[in-house]
């Protein structure tokens, strides 16, 4: 019994040591989560799939939509907004975080 436990433990340690980390997509997703929680959740909700107190859910928002709305305060051509308001001002300081935010919301 003790030998079996040692073998299982050794196998688990070996697998953990050899497995790769979250990779670039996992790191981008985590960065996007941090950006979302610090910059977006006050208006949109902590859970991006839920409506927020001021803004609609944005889970699944495309990178094009995020770039247009976050950076320019507009919508992409042909896009029909969930809430046709102009409450959200452009937030150009988030330009470098758009790819990570898009990965998280995907």
PDB file of N, CA and C in Angstrom:
ATOM      1  N   UNK A   1       0.828  -1.187   0.000  1.00  0.00           N
ATOM      2  CA  UNK A   1       0.000   0.000   0.000  1.00  0.00           C
ATOM      3  C   UNK A   1       0.874   1.252   0.000  1.00  0.00           C
ATOM      4  N   UNK A   2       1.892   1.252   0.854  1.00  0.00           N
ATOM      5  CA  UNK A   2       2.778   2.409   0.942  1.00  0.00           C
ATOM      6  C   UNK A   2       3.547   2.593  -0.373  1.00  0.00           C
ATOM      7  N   UNK A   3       3.967   1.512  -0.992  1.00  0.00           N
ATOM      8  CA  UNK A   3       4.687   1.582  -2.263  1.00  0.00           C
ATOM      9  C   UNK A   3       3.796   2.188  -3.339  1.00  0.00           C
ATOM     10  N   UNK A   4       2.550   1.784  -3.367  1.00  0.00           N
ATOM     11  CA  UNK A   4       1.599   2.308  -4.347  1.00  0.00           C
ATOM     12  C   UNK A   4       1.427   3.828  -4.165  1.00  0.00           C
ATOM     13  N   UNK A   5       1.318   4.287  -2.950  1.00  0.00           N
ATOM     14  CA  UNK A   5       1.158   5.713  -2.679  1.00  0.00           C
ATOM     15  C   UNK A   5       2.393   6.490  -3.129  1.00  0.00           C
ATOM     16  N   UNK A   6       3.579   5.930  -2.891  1.00  0.00           N
ATOM     17  CA  UNK A   6       4.814   6.588  -3.295  1.00  0.00           C
ATOM     18  C   UNK A   6       4.881   6.676  -4.823  1.00  0.00           C
ATOM     19  N   UNK A   7       4.494   5.607  -5.513  1.00  0.00           N
ATOM     20  CA  UNK A   7       4.517   5.599  -6.982  1.00  0.00           C
ATOM     21  C   UNK A   7       3.539   6.635  -7.537  1.00  0.00           C
ATOM     22  N   UNK A   8       2.336   6.701  -6.981  1.00  0.00           N
ATOM     23  CA  UNK A   8       1.335   7.670  -7.432  1.00  0.00           C
ATOM     24  C   UNK A   8       1.825   9.092  -7.172  1.00  0.00           C
ATOM     25  N   UNK A   9       2.392   9.331  -6.018  1.00  0.00           N
ATOM     26  CA  UNK A   9       2.915  10.648  -5.695  1.00  0.00           C
ATOM     27  C   UNK A   9       4.056  11.027  -6.630  1.00  0.00           C
ATOM     28  N   UNK A  10       4.955  10.109  -6.899  1.00  0.00           N
ATOM     29  CA  UNK A  10       6.078  10.378  -7.800  1.00  0.00           C
ATOM     30  C   UNK A  10       5.575  10.679  -9.205  1.00  0.00           C
ATOM     31  N   UNK A  11       4.583   9.950  -9.652  1.00  0.00           N
ATOM     32  CA  UNK A  11       4.010  10.203 -10.982  1.00  0.00           C
ATOM     33  C   UNK A  11       3.366  11.585 -11.039  1.00  0.00           C
ATOM     34  N   UNK A  12       2.652  11.952  -9.996  1.00  0.00           N
ATOM     35  CA  UNK A  12       1.998  13.263  -9.964  1.00  0.00           C
ATOM     36  C   UNK A  12       3.033  14.389  -9.983  1.00  0.00           C
ATOM     37  N   UNK A  13       4.106  14.228  -9.222  1.00  0.00           N
ATOM     38  CA  UNK A  13       5.160  15.244  -9.200  1.00  0.00           C
ATOM     39  C   UNK A  13       5.834  15.343 -10.560  1.00  0.00           C
ATOM     40  N   UNK A  14       6.080  14.224 -11.204  1.00  0.00           N
ATOM     41  CA  UNK A  14       6.711  14.218 -12.525  1.00  0.00           C
ATOM     42  C   UNK A  14       5.835  14.905 -13.551  1.00  0.00           C
ATOM     43  N   UNK A  15       4.560  14.600 -13.555  1.00  0.00           N
ATOM     44  CA  UNK A  15       3.634  15.227 -14.502  1.00  0.00           C
ATOM     45  C   UNK A  15       3.564  16.726 -14.255  1.00  0.00           C
ATOM     46  N   UNK A  16       3.487  17.125 -12.999  1.00  0.00           N
ATOM     47  CA  UNK A  16       3.418  18.552 -12.671  1.00  0.00           C
ATOM     48  C   UNK A  16       4.697  19.269 -13.099  1.00  0.00           C
ATOM     49  N   UNK A  17       5.824  18.650 -12.924  1.00  0.00           N
ATOM     50  CA  UNK A  17       7.099  19.277 -13.276  1.00  0.00           C
ATOM     51  C   UNK A  17       7.278  19.375 -14.786  1.00  0.00           C
ATOM     52  N   UNK A  18       6.727  18.425 -15.515  1.00  0.00           N
ATOM     53  CA  UNK A  18       6.900  18.400 -16.966  1.00  0.00           C
ATOM     54  C   UNK A  18       5.823  19.161 -17.721  1.00  0.00           C
ATOM     55  N   UNK A  19       4.713  19.442 -17.087  1.00  0.00           N
ATOM     56  CA  UNK A  19       3.632  20.117 -17.805  1.00  0.00           C
ATOM     57  C   UNK A  19       3.989  21.569 -18.035  1.00  0.00           C
ATOM     58  N   UNK A  20       3.481  22.092 -19.150  1.00  0.00           N
ATOM     59  CA  UNK A  20       3.737  23.482 -19.487  1.00  0.00           C
ATOM     60  C   UNK A  20       2.830  24.385 -18.680  1.00  0.00           C
ATOM     61  N   UNK A  21       3.233  25.619 -18.552  1.00  0.00           N
ATOM     62  CA  UNK A  21       2.420  26.617 -17.868  1.00  0.00           C
ATOM     63  C   UNK A  21       1.225  26.992 -18.721  1.00  0.00           C
ATOM     64  N   UNK A  22       0.584  28.087 -18.397  1.00  0.00           N
ATOM     65  CA  UNK A  22      -0.623  28.471 -19.104  1.00  0.00           C
ATOM     66  C   UNK A  22      -0.368  28.891 -20.546  1.00  0.00           C
ATOM     67  N   UNK A  23       0.865  29.151 -20.919  1.00  0.00           N
ATOM     68  CA  UNK A  23       1.168  29.551 -22.281  1.00  0.00           C
ATOM     69  C   UNK A  23       0.763  30.987 -22.543  1.00  0.00           C
ATOM     70  N   UNK A  24       1.058  31.471 -23.753  1.00  0.00           N
ATOM     71  CA  UNK A  24       0.770  32.869 -24.070  1.00  0.00           C
ATOM     72  C   UNK A  24      -0.719  33.207 -24.020  1.00  0.00           C
ATOM     73  N   UNK A  25      -1.572  32.285 -24.467  1.00  0.00           N
ATOM     74  CA  UNK A  25      -3.008  32.579 -24.436  1.00  0.00           C
ATOM     75  C   UNK A  25      -3.529  32.649 -23.015  1.00  0.00           C
ATOM     76  N   UNK A  26      -3.035  31.772 -22.157  1.00  0.00           N
ATOM     77  CA  UNK A  26      -3.454  31.803 -20.762  1.00  0.00           C
ATOM     78  C   UNK A  26      -2.979  33.069 -20.065  1.00  0.00           C
ATOM     79  N   UNK A  27      -1.761  33.497 -20.383  1.00  0.00           N
ATOM     80  CA  UNK A  27      -1.234  34.728 -19.793  1.00  0.00           C
ATOM     81  C   UNK A  27      -2.023  35.939 -20.291  1.00  0.00           C
ATOM     82  N   UNK A  28      -2.357  35.949 -21.581  1.00  0.00           N
ATOM     83  CA  UNK A  28      -3.151  37.060 -22.134  1.00  0.00           C
ATOM     84  C   UNK A  28      -4.538  37.073 -21.518  1.00  0.00           C
ATOM     85  N   UNK A  29      -5.130  35.899 -21.361  1.00  0.00           N
ATOM     86  CA  UNK A  29      -6.468  35.809 -20.759  1.00  0.00           C
ATOM     87  C   UNK A  29      -6.447  36.328 -19.323  1.00  0.00           C
ATOM     88  N   UNK A  30      -5.418  35.975 -18.574  1.00  0.00           N
ATOM     89  CA  UNK A  30      -5.309  36.451 -17.190  1.00  0.00           C
ATOM     90  C   UNK A  30      -5.097  37.965 -17.157  1.00  0.00           C
ATOM     91  N   UNK A  31      -4.268  38.483 -18.043  1.00  0.00           N
ATOM     92  CA  UNK A  31      -4.072  39.940 -18.119  1.00  0.00           C
ATOM     93  C   UNK A  31      -5.392  40.615 -18.482  1.00  0.00           C
ATOM     94  N   UNK A  32      -6.122  40.038 -19.421  1.00  0.00           N
ATOM     95  CA  UNK A  32      -7.420  40.582 -19.803  1.00  0.00           C
ATOM     96  C   UNK A  32      -8.407  40.567 -18.660  1.00  0.00           C
ATOM     97  N   UNK A  33      -8.367  39.516 -17.851  1.00  0.00           N
ATOM     98  CA  UNK A  33      -9.249  39.432 -16.682  1.00  0.00           C
ATOM     99  C   UNK A  33      -8.921  40.552 -15.706  1.00  0.00           C
ATOM    100  N   UNK A  34      -7.637  40.777 -15.478  1.00  0.00           N
ATOM    101  CA  UNK A  34      -7.227  41.844 -14.570  1.00  0.00           C
ATOM    102  C   UNK A  34      -7.654  43.214 -15.101  1.00  0.00           C
ATOM    103  N   UNK A  35      -7.482  43.430 -16.387  1.00  0.00           N
ATOM    104  CA  UNK A  35      -7.888  44.699 -17.001  1.00  0.00           C
ATOM    105  C   UNK A  35      -9.397  44.865 -16.869  1.00  0.00           C
ATOM    106  N   UNK A  36     -10.136  43.804 -17.182  1.00  0.00           N
ATOM    107  CA  UNK A  36     -11.598  43.877 -17.104  1.00  0.00           C
ATOM    108  C   UNK A  36     -12.043  44.232 -15.680  1.00  0.00           C
ATOM    109  N   UNK A  37     -11.511  43.526 -14.703  1.00  0.00           N
ATOM    110  CA  UNK A  37     -11.930  43.765 -13.322  1.00  0.00           C
ATOM    111  C   UNK A  37     -11.568  45.180 -12.857  1.00  0.00           C
ATOM    112  N   UNK A  38     -10.427  45.694 -13.287  1.00  0.00           N
ATOM    113  CA  UNK A  38     -10.015  47.015 -12.816  1.00  0.00           C
ATOM    114  C   UNK A  38     -10.604  48.161 -13.628  1.00  0.00           C
ATOM    115  N   UNK A  39     -10.900  47.947 -14.901  1.00  0.00           N
ATOM    116  CA  UNK A  39     -11.333  49.045 -15.760  1.00  0.00           C
ATOM    117  C   UNK A  39     -12.788  48.970 -16.221  1.00  0.00           C
ATOM    118  N   UNK A  40     -13.369  47.795 -16.246  1.00  0.00           N
ATOM    119  CA  UNK A  40     -14.678  47.626 -16.889  1.00  0.00           C
ATOM    120  C   UNK A  40     -15.801  47.205 -15.937  1.00  0.00           C
ATOM    121  N   UNK A  41     -15.460  46.481 -14.894  1.00  0.00           N
ATOM    122  CA  UNK A  41     -16.489  45.833 -14.081  1.00  0.00           C
ATOM    123  C   UNK A  41     -17.381  46.789 -13.294  1.00  0.00           C
ATOM    124  N   UNK A  42     -16.937  47.987 -13.032  1.00  0.00           N
ATOM    125  CA  UNK A  42     -17.781  48.924 -12.284  1.00  0.00           C
ATOM    126  C   UNK A  42     -19.051  49.256 -13.052  1.00  0.00           C
ATOM    127  N   UNK A  43     -18.953  49.322 -14.363  1.00  0.00           N
ATOM    128  CA  UNK A  43     -20.130  49.640 -15.185  1.00  0.00           C
ATOM    129  C   UNK A  43     -20.764  48.394 -15.803  1.00  0.00           C
ATOM    130  N   UNK A  44     -19.937  47.438 -16.202  1.00  0.00           N
ATOM    131  CA  UNK A  44     -20.446  46.271 -16.924  1.00  0.00           C
ATOM    132  C   UNK A  44     -20.840  45.104 -16.031  1.00  0.00           C
ATOM    133  N   UNK A  45     -20.326  44.940 -14.873  1.00  0.00           N
ATOM    134  CA  UNK A  45     -20.570  43.859 -13.907  1.00  0.00           C
ATOM    135  C   UNK A  45     -19.297  43.047 -13.750  1.00  0.00           C
ATOM    136  N   UNK A  46     -19.147  42.417 -12.619  1.00  0.00           N
ATOM    137  CA  UNK A  46     -17.962  41.590 -12.367  1.00  0.00           C
ATOM    138  C   UNK A  46     -17.941  40.403 -13.322  1.00  0.00           C
ATOM    139  N   UNK A  47     -19.092  39.849 -13.626  1.00  0.00           N
ATOM    140  CA  UNK A  47     -19.215  38.751 -14.588  1.00  0.00           C
ATOM    141  C   UNK A  47     -19.561  39.365 -15.942  1.00  0.00           C
ATOM    142  N   UNK A  48     -18.650  39.287 -16.932  1.00  0.00           N
ATOM    143  CA  UNK A  48     -18.906  39.951 -18.209  1.00  0.00           C
ATOM    144  C   UNK A  48     -20.104  39.391 -18.991  1.00  0.00           C
ATOM    145  N   UNK A  49     -20.640  38.270 -18.560  1.00  0.00           N
ATOM    146  CA  UNK A  49     -21.822  37.725 -19.241  1.00  0.00           C
ATOM    147  C   UNK A  49     -23.121  38.284 -18.672  1.00  0.00           C
ATOM    148  N   UNK A  50     -23.014  39.100 -17.630  1.00  0.00           N
ATOM    149  CA  UNK A  50     -24.197  39.668 -16.978  1.00  0.00           C
ATOM    150  C   UNK A  50     -24.286  41.174 -17.246  1.00  0.00           C
ATOM    151  N   UNK A  51     -25.502  41.711 -17.271  1.00  0.00           N
ATOM    152  CA  UNK A  51     -25.619  43.167 -17.416  1.00  0.00           C
ATOM    153  C   UNK A  51     -25.121  43.861 -16.152  1.00  0.00           C
ATOM    154  N   UNK A  52     -24.520  45.000 -16.348  1.00  0.00           N
ATOM    155  CA  UNK A  52     -24.031  45.777 -15.220  1.00  0.00           C
ATOM    156  C   UNK A  52     -25.003  46.876 -14.858  1.00  0.00           C
ATOM    157  N   UNK A  53     -24.663  47.660 -13.851  1.00  0.00           N
ATOM    158  CA  UNK A  53     -25.563  48.729 -13.415  1.00  0.00           C
ATOM    159  C   UNK A  53     -25.724  49.839 -14.453  1.00  0.00           C
ATOM    160  N   UNK A  54     -24.721  50.021 -15.318  1.00  0.00           N
ATOM    161  CA  UNK A  54     -24.759  51.092 -16.307  1.00  0.00           C
ATOM    162  C   UNK A  54     -24.637  50.565 -17.737  1.00  0.00           C
ATOM    163  N   UNK A  55     -23.993  49.419 -17.906  1.00  0.00           N
ATOM    164  CA  UNK A  55     -23.644  48.948 -19.241  1.00  0.00           C
ATOM    165  C   UNK A  55     -24.063  47.488 -19.461  1.00  0.00           C
ATOM    166  N   UNK A  56     -24.168  47.099 -20.724  1.00  0.00           N
ATOM    167  CA  UNK A  56     -24.625  45.739 -21.048  1.00  0.00           C
ATOM    168  C   UNK A  56     -23.532  44.691 -20.842  1.00  0.00           C
ATOM    169  N   UNK A  57     -23.906  43.411 -20.888  1.00  0.00           N
ATOM    170  CA  UNK A  57     -22.896  42.354 -20.843  1.00  0.00           C
ATOM    171  C   UNK A  57     -22.006  42.454 -22.084  1.00  0.00           C
ATOM    172  N   UNK A  58     -20.730  42.128 -21.933  1.00  0.00           N
ATOM    173  CA  UNK A  58     -19.826  42.224 -23.075  1.00  0.00           C
ATOM    174  C   UNK A  58     -19.041  40.936 -23.338  1.00  0.00           C
ATOM    175  N   UNK A  59     -19.444  39.860 -22.703  1.00  0.00           N
ATOM    176  CA  UNK A  59     -18.795  38.574 -22.986  1.00  0.00           C
ATOM    177  C   UNK A  59     -18.959  38.281 -24.473  1.00  0.00           C
ATOM    178  N   UNK A  60     -17.884  37.892 -25.119  1.00  0.00           N
ATOM    179  CA  UNK A  60     -17.918  37.587 -26.541  1.00  0.00           C
ATOM    180  C   UNK A  60     -17.690  38.793 -27.438  1.00  0.00           C
ATOM    181  N   UNK A  61     -17.446  39.968 -26.852  1.00  0.00           N
ATOM    182  CA  UNK A  61     -17.203  41.160 -27.666  1.00  0.00           C
ATOM    183  C   UNK A  61     -15.958  40.949 -28.526  1.00  0.00           C
ATOM    184  N   UNK A  62     -16.057  41.323 -29.789  1.00  0.00           N
ATOM    185  CA  UNK A  62     -14.927  41.155 -30.703  1.00  0.00           C
ATOM    186  C   UNK A  62     -13.856  42.213 -30.454  1.00  0.00           C
ATOM    187  N   UNK A  63     -12.682  41.936 -30.945  1.00  0.00           N
ATOM    188  CA  UNK A  63     -11.591  42.909 -30.823  1.00  0.00           C
ATOM    189  C   UNK A  63     -11.953  44.189 -31.575  1.00  0.00           C
ATOM    190  N   UNK A  64     -12.607  44.055 -32.742  1.00  0.00           N
ATOM    191  CA  UNK A  64     -13.026  45.243 -33.502  1.00  0.00           C
ATOM    192  C   UNK A  64     -13.967  46.120 -32.685  1.00  0.00           C
ATOM    193  N   UNK A  65     -14.926  45.488 -32.011  1.00  0.00           N
ATOM    194  CA  UNK A  65     -15.864  46.243 -31.186  1.00  0.00           C
ATOM    195  C   UNK A  65     -15.131  46.919 -30.029  1.00  0.00           C
ATOM    196  N   UNK A  66     -14.239  46.188 -29.377  1.00  0.00           N
ATOM    197  CA  UNK A  66     -13.498  46.768 -28.257  1.00  0.00           C
ATOM    198  C   UNK A  66     -12.636  47.946 -28.703  1.00  0.00           C
ATOM    199  N   UNK A  67     -11.940  47.789 -29.819  1.00  0.00           N
ATOM    200  CA  UNK A  67     -11.113  48.886 -30.317  1.00  0.00           C
ATOM    201  C   UNK A  67     -11.965  50.111 -30.638  1.00  0.00           C
ATOM    202  N   UNK A  68     -13.084  49.912 -31.310  1.00  0.00           N
ATOM    203  CA  UNK A  68     -13.938  51.041 -31.684  1.00  0.00           C
ATOM    204  C   UNK A  68     -14.521  51.720 -30.452  1.00  0.00           C
ATOM    205  N   UNK A  69     -15.112  50.938 -29.576  1.00  0.00           N
ATOM    206  CA  UNK A  69     -15.825  51.515 -28.441  1.00  0.00           C
ATOM    207  C   UNK A  69     -14.872  52.052 -27.375  1.00  0.00           C
ATOM    208  N   UNK A  70     -13.875  51.262 -27.011  1.00  0.00           N
ATOM    209  CA  UNK A  70     -12.971  51.663 -25.931  1.00  0.00           C
ATOM    210  C   UNK A  70     -12.039  52.796 -26.377  1.00  0.00           C
ATOM    211  N   UNK A  71     -11.507  52.699 -27.572  1.00  0.00           N
ATOM    212  CA  UNK A  71     -10.509  53.682 -27.992  1.00  0.00           C
ATOM    213  C   UNK A  71     -11.102  54.924 -28.654  1.00  0.00           C
ATOM    214  N   UNK A  72     -12.236  54.759 -29.368  1.00  0.00           N
ATOM    215  CA  UNK A  72     -12.792  55.901 -30.104  1.00  0.00           C
ATOM    216  C   UNK A  72     -14.186  56.325 -29.649  1.00  0.00           C
ATOM    217  N   UNK A  73     -14.819  55.514 -28.820  1.00  0.00           N
ATOM    218  CA  UNK A  73     -16.167  55.850 -28.363  1.00  0.00           C
ATOM    219  C   UNK A  73     -17.225  55.668 -29.437  1.00  0.00           C
ATOM    220  N   UNK A  74     -16.928  54.846 -30.438  1.00  0.00           N
ATOM    221  CA  UNK A  74     -17.853  54.595 -31.543  1.00  0.00           C
ATOM    222  C   UNK A  74     -18.156  53.103 -31.623  1.00  0.00           C
ATOM    223  N   UNK A  75     -18.941  52.726 -32.604  1.00  0.00           N
ATOM    224  CA  UNK A  75     -19.205  51.314 -32.874  1.00  0.00           C
ATOM    225  C   UNK A  75     -18.659  50.982 -34.257  1.00  0.00           C
ATOM    226  N   UNK A  76     -18.283  49.722 -34.478  1.00  0.00           N
ATOM    227  CA  UNK A  76     -17.850  49.340 -35.829  1.00  0.00           C
ATOM    228  C   UNK A  76     -19.009  49.526 -36.814  1.00  0.00           C
ATOM    229  N   UNK A  77     -18.672  49.781 -38.059  1.00  0.00           N
ATOM    230  CA  UNK A  77     -19.688  49.960 -39.085  1.00  0.00           C
ATOM    231  C   UNK A  77     -20.581  48.724 -39.166  1.00  0.00           C
ATOM    232  N   UNK A  78     -21.891  48.955 -39.162  1.00  0.00           N
ATOM    233  CA  UNK A  78     -22.855  47.870 -39.266  1.00  0.00           C
ATOM    234  C   UNK A  78     -23.216  47.205 -37.953  1.00  0.00           C
ATOM    235  N   UNK A  79     -22.596  47.606 -36.855  1.00  0.00           N
ATOM    236  CA  UNK A  79     -22.867  46.999 -35.546  1.00  0.00           C
ATOM    237  C   UNK A  79     -24.097  47.643 -34.922  1.00  0.00           C
ATOM    238  N   UNK A  80     -24.977  46.820 -34.383  1.00  0.00           N
ATOM    239  CA  UNK A  80     -26.151  47.318 -33.672  1.00  0.00           C
ATOM    240  C   UNK A  80     -25.896  47.165 -32.177  1.00  0.00           C
ATOM    241  N   UNK A  81     -25.779  48.267 -31.439  1.00  0.00           N
ATOM    242  CA  UNK A  81     -25.472  48.171 -30.008  1.00  0.00           C
ATOM    243  C   UNK A  81     -26.628  47.597 -29.199  1.00  0.00           C
ATOM    244  N   UNK A  82     -26.278  46.959 -28.094  1.00  0.00           N
ATOM    245  CA  UNK A  82     -27.292  46.407 -27.182  1.00  0.00           C
ATOM    246  C   UNK A  82     -28.044  47.526 -26.478  1.00  0.00           C
ATOM    247  N   UNK A  83     -27.335  48.598 -26.173  1.00  0.00           N
ATOM    248  CA  UNK A  83     -27.922  49.790 -25.553  1.00  0.00           C
ATOM    249  C   UNK A  83     -27.390  51.000 -26.322  1.00  0.00           C
ATOM    250  N   UNK A  84     -28.216  51.662 -27.086  1.00  0.00           N
ATOM    251  CA  UNK A  84     -27.724  52.791 -27.884  1.00  0.00           C
ATOM    252  C   UNK A  84     -27.512  54.056 -27.044  1.00  0.00           C
ATOM    253  N   UNK A  85     -26.426  54.069 -26.292  1.00  0.00           N
ATOM    254  CA  UNK A  85     -26.108  55.233 -25.467  1.00  0.00           C
ATOM    255  C   UNK A  85     -24.701  55.721 -25.802  1.00  0.00           C
ATOM    256  N   UNK A  86     -24.386  56.887 -25.338  1.00  0.00           N
ATOM    257  CA  UNK A  86     -23.049  57.451 -25.526  1.00  0.00           C
ATOM    258  C   UNK A  86     -22.423  57.752 -24.170  1.00  0.00           C
ATOM    259  N   UNK A  87     -22.722  56.924 -23.186  1.00  0.00           N
ATOM    260  CA  UNK A  87     -22.250  57.152 -21.823  1.00  0.00           C
ATOM    261  C   UNK A  87     -20.753  56.870 -21.690  1.00  0.00           C
ATOM    262  N   UNK A  88     -20.254  55.869 -22.386  1.00  0.00           N
ATOM    263  CA  UNK A  88     -18.856  55.466 -22.225  1.00  0.00           C
ATOM    264  C   UNK A  88     -17.922  56.379 -23.018  1.00  0.00           C
ATOM    265  N   UNK A  89     -17.036  57.084 -22.319  1.00  0.00           N
ATOM    266  CA  UNK A  89     -16.074  57.936 -23.027  1.00  0.00           C
ATOM    267  C   UNK A  89     -14.923  57.088 -23.569  1.00  0.00           C
ATOM    268  N   UNK A  90     -14.225  57.549 -24.588  1.00  0.00           N
ATOM    269  CA  UNK A  90     -13.039  56.824 -25.063  1.00  0.00           C
ATOM    270  C   UNK A  90     -12.017  56.692 -23.937  1.00  0.00           C
ATOM    271  N   UNK A  91     -11.336  55.569 -23.928  1.00  0.00           N
ATOM    272  CA  UNK A  91     -10.323  55.302 -22.902  1.00  0.00           C
ATOM    273  C   UNK A  91      -9.028  54.874 -23.590  1.00  0.00           C
ATOM    274  N   UNK A  92      -8.391  55.824 -24.223  1.00  0.00           N
ATOM    275  CA  UNK A  92      -7.213  55.534 -25.040  1.00  0.00           C
ATOM    276  C   UNK A  92      -6.045  54.937 -24.259  1.00  0.00           C
ATOM    277  N   UNK A  93      -6.020  55.123 -22.957  1.00  0.00           N
ATOM    278  CA  UNK A  93      -4.951  54.547 -22.136  1.00  0.00           C
ATOM    279  C   UNK A  93      -4.993  53.025 -22.143  1.00  0.00           C
ATOM    280  N   UNK A  94      -6.087  52.442 -22.605  1.00  0.00           N
ATOM    281  CA  UNK A  94      -6.226  50.977 -22.629  1.00  0.00           C
ATOM    282  C   UNK A  94      -5.789  50.360 -23.957  1.00  0.00           C
ATOM    283  N   UNK A  95      -5.242  51.129 -24.873  1.00  0.00           N
ATOM    284  CA  UNK A  95      -4.909  50.642 -26.214  1.00  0.00           C
ATOM    285  C   UNK A  95      -4.068  49.366 -26.193  1.00  0.00           C
ATOM    286  N   UNK A  96      -3.052  49.316 -25.380  1.00  0.00           N
ATOM    287  CA  UNK A  96      -2.175  48.133 -25.368  1.00  0.00           C
ATOM    288  C   UNK A  96      -2.835  46.916 -24.713  1.00  0.00           C
ATOM    289  N   UNK A  97      -3.923  47.125 -23.989  1.00  0.00           N
ATOM    290  CA  UNK A  97      -4.597  46.019 -23.302  1.00  0.00           C
ATOM    291  C   UNK A  97      -5.762  45.422 -24.087  1.00  0.00           C
ATOM    292  N   UNK A  98      -6.098  46.008 -25.226  1.00  0.00           N
ATOM    293  CA  UNK A  98      -7.234  45.510 -26.014  1.00  0.00           C
ATOM    294  C   UNK A  98      -7.071  44.043 -26.414  1.00  0.00           C
ATOM    295  N   UNK A  99      -5.904  43.597 -26.913  1.00  0.00           N
ATOM    296  CA  UNK A  99      -5.770  42.179 -27.276  1.00  0.00           C
ATOM    297  C   UNK A  99      -6.017  41.236 -26.093  1.00  0.00           C
ATOM    298  N   UNK A 100      -5.489  41.572 -24.938  1.00  0.00           N
ATOM    299  CA  UNK A 100      -5.699  40.725 -23.743  1.00  0.00           C
ATOM    300  C   UNK A 100      -7.152  40.759 -23.302  1.00  0.00           C
ATOM    301  N   UNK A 101      -7.770  41.923 -23.356  1.00  0.00           N
ATOM    302  CA  UNK A 101      -9.174  42.043 -22.992  1.00  0.00           C
ATOM    303  C   UNK A 101     -10.044  41.229 -23.942  1.00  0.00           C
ATOM    304  N   UNK A 102      -9.750  41.293 -25.221  1.00  0.00           N
ATOM    305  CA  UNK A 102     -10.502  40.498 -26.211  1.00  0.00           C
ATOM    306  C   UNK A 102     -10.339  39.001 -25.938  1.00  0.00           C
ATOM    307  N   UNK A 103      -9.141  38.584 -25.591  1.00  0.00           N
ATOM    308  CA  UNK A 103      -8.894  37.163 -25.275  1.00  0.00           C
ATOM    309  C   UNK A 103      -9.711  36.739 -24.060  1.00  0.00           C
ATOM    310  N   UNK A 104      -9.752  37.569 -23.038  1.00  0.00           N
ATOM    311  CA  UNK A 104     -10.525  37.242 -21.846  1.00  0.00           C
ATOM    312  C   UNK A 104     -12.026  37.171 -22.148  1.00  0.00           C
ATOM    313  N   UNK A 105     -12.523  38.115 -22.915  1.00  0.00           N
ATOM    314  CA  UNK A 105     -13.969  38.159 -23.190  1.00  0.00           C
ATOM    315  C   UNK A 105     -14.413  37.112 -24.205  1.00  0.00           C
ATOM    316  N   UNK A 106     -13.463  36.565 -24.944  1.00  0.00           N
ATOM    317  CA  UNK A 106     -13.781  35.539 -25.935  1.00  0.00           C
ATOM    318  C   UNK A 106     -14.354  34.344 -25.239  1.00  0.00           C
TER     319      UNK A 106
END
